[in-house]
């Protein structure tokens, strides 16, 4: 999975990566989202398997889950998390 920081809060994606790794998820190096103005965290299914996205969302108590398969994305990415201002690091 990949974790993207969609806020101005430095280190937020690193905290999320640590959280997911504690649940034995394989997480790519955190990165920044396309902008830093995300209000709400979103979980994107990248492979057409919403069950994987729901598992990730459940850990974060995120209700915004979307299926957005992307064949151009790295094959290792099943789920993308874009952190919004509503994510408190837990």
N, C-alpha and C. Protein backbone atom coordinates (compact mmCIF):
# COMPACT_ATOMS: atom_id res chain seq x y z
N UNK A 1 0.84 -1.18 0.00
CA UNK A 1 0.00 0.00 0.00
C UNK A 1 0.88 1.23 0.00
N UNK A 2 0.28 2.35 -0.34
CA UNK A 2 0.99 3.62 -0.26
C UNK A 2 0.21 4.58 0.62
N UNK A 3 0.95 5.43 1.32
CA UNK A 3 0.35 6.43 2.20
C UNK A 3 0.84 7.79 1.74
N UNK A 4 -0.11 8.68 1.46
CA UNK A 4 0.21 10.03 0.98
C UNK A 4 -0.31 11.06 1.97
N UNK A 5 0.50 12.05 2.26
CA UNK A 5 0.10 13.12 3.16
C UNK A 5 -0.60 14.21 2.36
N UNK A 6 -1.87 14.42 2.65
CA UNK A 6 -2.65 15.45 1.98
C UNK A 6 -2.86 16.68 2.86
N UNK A 7 -1.94 16.88 3.82
CA UNK A 7 -2.04 18.01 4.75
C UNK A 7 -0.69 18.73 4.83
N UNK A 8 -0.67 19.80 5.60
CA UNK A 8 0.57 20.53 5.86
C UNK A 8 1.30 20.00 7.09
N UNK A 9 0.75 18.99 7.76
CA UNK A 9 1.34 18.44 8.97
C UNK A 9 2.53 17.54 8.62
N UNK A 10 3.71 17.99 8.97
CA UNK A 10 4.92 17.23 8.67
C UNK A 10 4.93 15.92 9.45
N UNK A 11 5.33 14.84 8.80
CA UNK A 11 5.48 13.55 9.45
C UNK A 11 4.21 12.74 9.59
N UNK A 12 3.10 13.25 9.11
CA UNK A 12 1.83 12.54 9.27
C UNK A 12 1.83 11.19 8.54
N UNK A 13 2.36 11.17 7.33
CA UNK A 13 2.40 9.92 6.57
C UNK A 13 3.34 8.90 7.23
N UNK A 14 4.40 9.37 7.86
CA UNK A 14 5.29 8.45 8.58
C UNK A 14 4.57 7.79 9.75
N UNK A 15 3.78 8.56 10.48
CA UNK A 15 3.01 8.00 11.59
C UNK A 15 2.00 6.98 11.09
N UNK A 16 1.35 7.29 9.98
CA UNK A 16 0.38 6.35 9.40
C UNK A 16 1.09 5.08 8.93
N UNK A 17 2.25 5.23 8.31
CA UNK A 17 3.01 4.05 7.87
C UNK A 17 3.33 3.16 9.07
N UNK A 18 3.78 3.76 10.17
CA UNK A 18 4.09 2.99 11.37
C UNK A 18 2.86 2.25 11.88
N UNK A 19 1.72 2.92 11.84
CA UNK A 19 0.46 2.29 12.26
C UNK A 19 0.16 1.06 11.42
N UNK A 20 0.22 1.21 10.11
CA UNK A 20 -0.10 0.09 9.22
C UNK A 20 0.94 -1.03 9.32
N UNK A 21 2.18 -0.69 9.50
CA UNK A 21 3.20 -1.72 9.65
C UNK A 21 2.98 -2.51 10.94
N UNK A 22 2.43 -1.88 11.95
CA UNK A 22 2.15 -2.61 13.20
C UNK A 22 1.05 -3.66 12.98
N UNK A 23 0.28 -3.52 11.91
CA UNK A 23 -0.74 -4.50 11.52
C UNK A 23 -0.22 -5.43 10.42
N UNK A 24 1.07 -5.41 10.19
CA UNK A 24 1.74 -6.26 9.20
C UNK A 24 1.40 -5.94 7.75
N UNK A 25 1.03 -4.70 7.47
CA UNK A 25 0.85 -4.27 6.08
C UNK A 25 2.22 -3.91 5.51
N UNK A 26 2.40 -4.21 4.24
CA UNK A 26 3.60 -3.77 3.53
C UNK A 26 3.32 -2.37 2.98
N UNK A 27 4.10 -1.41 3.44
CA UNK A 27 3.85 -0.01 3.09
C UNK A 27 5.06 0.57 2.37
N UNK A 28 4.81 1.18 1.23
CA UNK A 28 5.87 1.86 0.48
C UNK A 28 6.30 3.10 1.26
N UNK A 29 7.41 3.69 0.86
CA UNK A 29 7.87 4.92 1.50
C UNK A 29 6.78 5.98 1.39
N UNK A 30 6.47 6.65 2.49
CA UNK A 30 5.42 7.67 2.46
C UNK A 30 5.82 8.82 1.55
N UNK A 31 4.80 9.49 1.05
CA UNK A 31 5.02 10.59 0.13
C UNK A 31 3.94 11.64 0.34
N UNK A 32 4.02 12.73 -0.40
CA UNK A 32 2.99 13.76 -0.34
C UNK A 32 1.95 13.53 -1.43
N UNK A 33 0.72 13.91 -1.13
CA UNK A 33 -0.37 13.84 -2.10
C UNK A 33 -0.21 14.96 -3.13
N UNK A 34 -1.13 15.02 -4.06
CA UNK A 34 -1.08 16.04 -5.11
C UNK A 34 -1.27 17.45 -4.57
N UNK A 35 -1.83 17.58 -3.35
CA UNK A 35 -1.93 18.88 -2.69
C UNK A 35 -2.03 18.66 -1.18
N UNK A 36 -1.95 19.74 -0.43
CA UNK A 36 -1.97 19.63 1.03
C UNK A 36 -3.25 20.20 1.64
N UNK A 37 -4.33 20.13 0.88
CA UNK A 37 -5.59 20.72 1.32
C UNK A 37 -6.70 19.69 1.55
N UNK A 38 -6.35 18.43 1.72
CA UNK A 38 -7.38 17.41 1.96
C UNK A 38 -7.98 17.60 3.34
N UNK A 39 -9.27 17.75 3.39
CA UNK A 39 -9.99 17.88 4.67
C UNK A 39 -10.20 16.49 5.26
N UNK A 40 -10.62 15.55 4.42
CA UNK A 40 -10.96 14.20 4.87
C UNK A 40 -10.00 13.17 4.29
N UNK A 41 -9.70 12.19 5.10
CA UNK A 41 -8.88 11.06 4.67
C UNK A 41 -9.71 10.17 3.75
N UNK A 42 -9.07 9.68 2.70
CA UNK A 42 -9.74 8.76 1.78
C UNK A 42 -8.87 7.52 1.58
N UNK A 43 -9.54 6.40 1.36
CA UNK A 43 -8.87 5.14 1.05
C UNK A 43 -9.31 4.73 -0.34
N UNK A 44 -8.33 4.49 -1.20
CA UNK A 44 -8.61 4.14 -2.60
C UNK A 44 -8.18 2.71 -2.89
N UNK A 45 -9.11 1.93 -3.38
CA UNK A 45 -8.82 0.58 -3.87
C UNK A 45 -8.21 0.73 -5.25
N UNK A 46 -7.02 0.19 -5.46
CA UNK A 46 -6.32 0.33 -6.75
C UNK A 46 -6.35 -0.91 -7.61
N UNK A 47 -6.88 -2.02 -7.08
CA UNK A 47 -6.86 -3.29 -7.84
C UNK A 47 -8.25 -3.88 -8.08
N UNK A 48 -9.30 -3.18 -7.70
CA UNK A 48 -10.63 -3.74 -7.87
C UNK A 48 -11.00 -4.71 -6.76
N UNK A 49 -10.39 -4.57 -5.59
CA UNK A 49 -10.69 -5.44 -4.45
C UNK A 49 -11.01 -4.55 -3.25
N UNK A 50 -12.28 -4.20 -3.12
CA UNK A 50 -12.68 -3.29 -2.05
C UNK A 50 -12.47 -3.87 -0.66
N UNK A 51 -12.41 -5.20 -0.53
CA UNK A 51 -12.18 -5.79 0.79
C UNK A 51 -10.85 -5.34 1.39
N UNK A 52 -9.81 -5.28 0.57
CA UNK A 52 -8.52 -4.80 1.06
C UNK A 52 -8.62 -3.35 1.52
N UNK A 53 -9.29 -2.53 0.74
CA UNK A 53 -9.44 -1.12 1.11
C UNK A 53 -10.25 -0.98 2.39
N UNK A 54 -11.27 -1.80 2.55
CA UNK A 54 -12.09 -1.74 3.77
C UNK A 54 -11.28 -2.12 5.01
N UNK A 55 -10.39 -3.10 4.89
CA UNK A 55 -9.54 -3.49 6.02
C UNK A 55 -8.67 -2.32 6.47
N UNK A 56 -8.10 -1.63 5.50
CA UNK A 56 -7.27 -0.46 5.80
C UNK A 56 -8.12 0.63 6.43
N UNK A 57 -9.26 0.90 5.84
CA UNK A 57 -10.14 1.96 6.35
C UNK A 57 -10.63 1.66 7.76
N UNK A 58 -10.90 0.40 8.05
CA UNK A 58 -11.37 0.02 9.39
C UNK A 58 -10.33 0.37 10.46
N UNK A 59 -9.08 0.15 10.16
CA UNK A 59 -8.02 0.47 11.12
C UNK A 59 -8.02 1.96 11.46
N UNK A 60 -8.28 2.78 10.46
CA UNK A 60 -8.25 4.23 10.64
C UNK A 60 -9.62 4.81 11.00
N UNK A 61 -10.63 3.96 11.00
CA UNK A 61 -12.01 4.41 11.19
C UNK A 61 -12.40 5.44 10.11
N UNK A 62 -11.96 5.14 8.89
CA UNK A 62 -12.24 6.00 7.74
C UNK A 62 -13.48 5.47 7.02
N UNK A 63 -14.39 6.36 6.67
CA UNK A 63 -15.62 5.96 5.99
C UNK A 63 -15.62 6.30 4.49
N UNK A 64 -14.59 6.98 4.05
CA UNK A 64 -14.52 7.37 2.64
C UNK A 64 -13.63 6.38 1.89
N UNK A 65 -14.29 5.38 1.29
CA UNK A 65 -13.59 4.31 0.58
C UNK A 65 -14.10 4.32 -0.86
N UNK A 66 -13.17 4.37 -1.80
CA UNK A 66 -13.54 4.43 -3.20
C UNK A 66 -12.74 3.41 -4.00
N UNK A 67 -13.37 2.85 -5.01
CA UNK A 67 -12.67 1.96 -5.93
C UNK A 67 -12.18 2.81 -7.10
N UNK A 68 -10.88 2.86 -7.25
CA UNK A 68 -10.29 3.68 -8.31
C UNK A 68 -9.08 2.92 -8.88
N UNK A 69 -9.36 1.79 -9.58
CA UNK A 69 -8.25 1.03 -10.16
C UNK A 69 -7.40 1.89 -11.09
N UNK A 70 -6.10 1.68 -11.02
CA UNK A 70 -5.17 2.47 -11.82
C UNK A 70 -4.08 1.54 -12.37
N UNK A 71 -4.21 1.08 -13.62
CA UNK A 71 -3.23 0.16 -14.19
C UNK A 71 -1.85 0.81 -14.37
N UNK A 72 -1.76 2.13 -14.33
CA UNK A 72 -0.48 2.83 -14.47
C UNK A 72 0.31 2.87 -13.17
N UNK A 73 -0.37 2.60 -12.06
CA UNK A 73 0.27 2.66 -10.75
C UNK A 73 1.15 1.45 -10.52
N UNK A 74 2.16 1.61 -9.71
CA UNK A 74 3.06 0.52 -9.33
C UNK A 74 2.25 -0.72 -8.98
N UNK A 75 2.64 -1.86 -9.51
CA UNK A 75 1.90 -3.11 -9.30
C UNK A 75 1.85 -3.53 -7.83
N UNK A 76 2.75 -3.00 -7.01
CA UNK A 76 2.77 -3.36 -5.59
C UNK A 76 1.69 -2.64 -4.79
N UNK A 77 1.04 -1.67 -5.40
CA UNK A 77 0.07 -0.85 -4.68
C UNK A 77 -1.35 -1.41 -4.86
N UNK A 78 -1.88 -1.97 -3.79
CA UNK A 78 -3.27 -2.44 -3.79
C UNK A 78 -4.20 -1.35 -3.29
N UNK A 79 -3.69 -0.55 -2.33
CA UNK A 79 -4.50 0.47 -1.66
C UNK A 79 -3.67 1.73 -1.52
N UNK A 80 -4.31 2.88 -1.78
CA UNK A 80 -3.70 4.18 -1.53
C UNK A 80 -4.50 4.87 -0.45
N UNK A 81 -3.80 5.41 0.54
CA UNK A 81 -4.43 6.21 1.60
C UNK A 81 -3.95 7.63 1.41
N UNK A 82 -4.90 8.56 1.30
CA UNK A 82 -4.56 9.98 1.27
C UNK A 82 -5.05 10.57 2.59
N UNK A 83 -4.10 11.00 3.40
CA UNK A 83 -4.43 11.51 4.72
C UNK A 83 -4.95 12.93 4.65
N UNK A 84 -6.06 13.16 5.33
CA UNK A 84 -6.63 14.50 5.40
C UNK A 84 -6.46 15.07 6.79
N UNK A 85 -6.96 16.29 6.97
CA UNK A 85 -6.83 16.98 8.25
C UNK A 85 -7.57 16.25 9.38
N UNK A 86 -8.48 15.36 9.03
CA UNK A 86 -9.22 14.62 10.06
C UNK A 86 -8.43 13.47 10.66
N UNK A 87 -7.27 13.14 10.08
CA UNK A 87 -6.46 12.03 10.59
C UNK A 87 -5.56 12.53 11.71
N UNK A 88 -5.64 11.89 12.86
CA UNK A 88 -4.86 12.35 14.02
C UNK A 88 -3.64 11.49 14.31
N UNK A 89 -3.29 10.61 13.39
CA UNK A 89 -2.10 9.79 13.58
C UNK A 89 -2.37 8.44 14.20
N UNK A 90 -3.64 8.14 14.50
CA UNK A 90 -4.00 6.86 15.10
C UNK A 90 -5.00 6.14 14.23
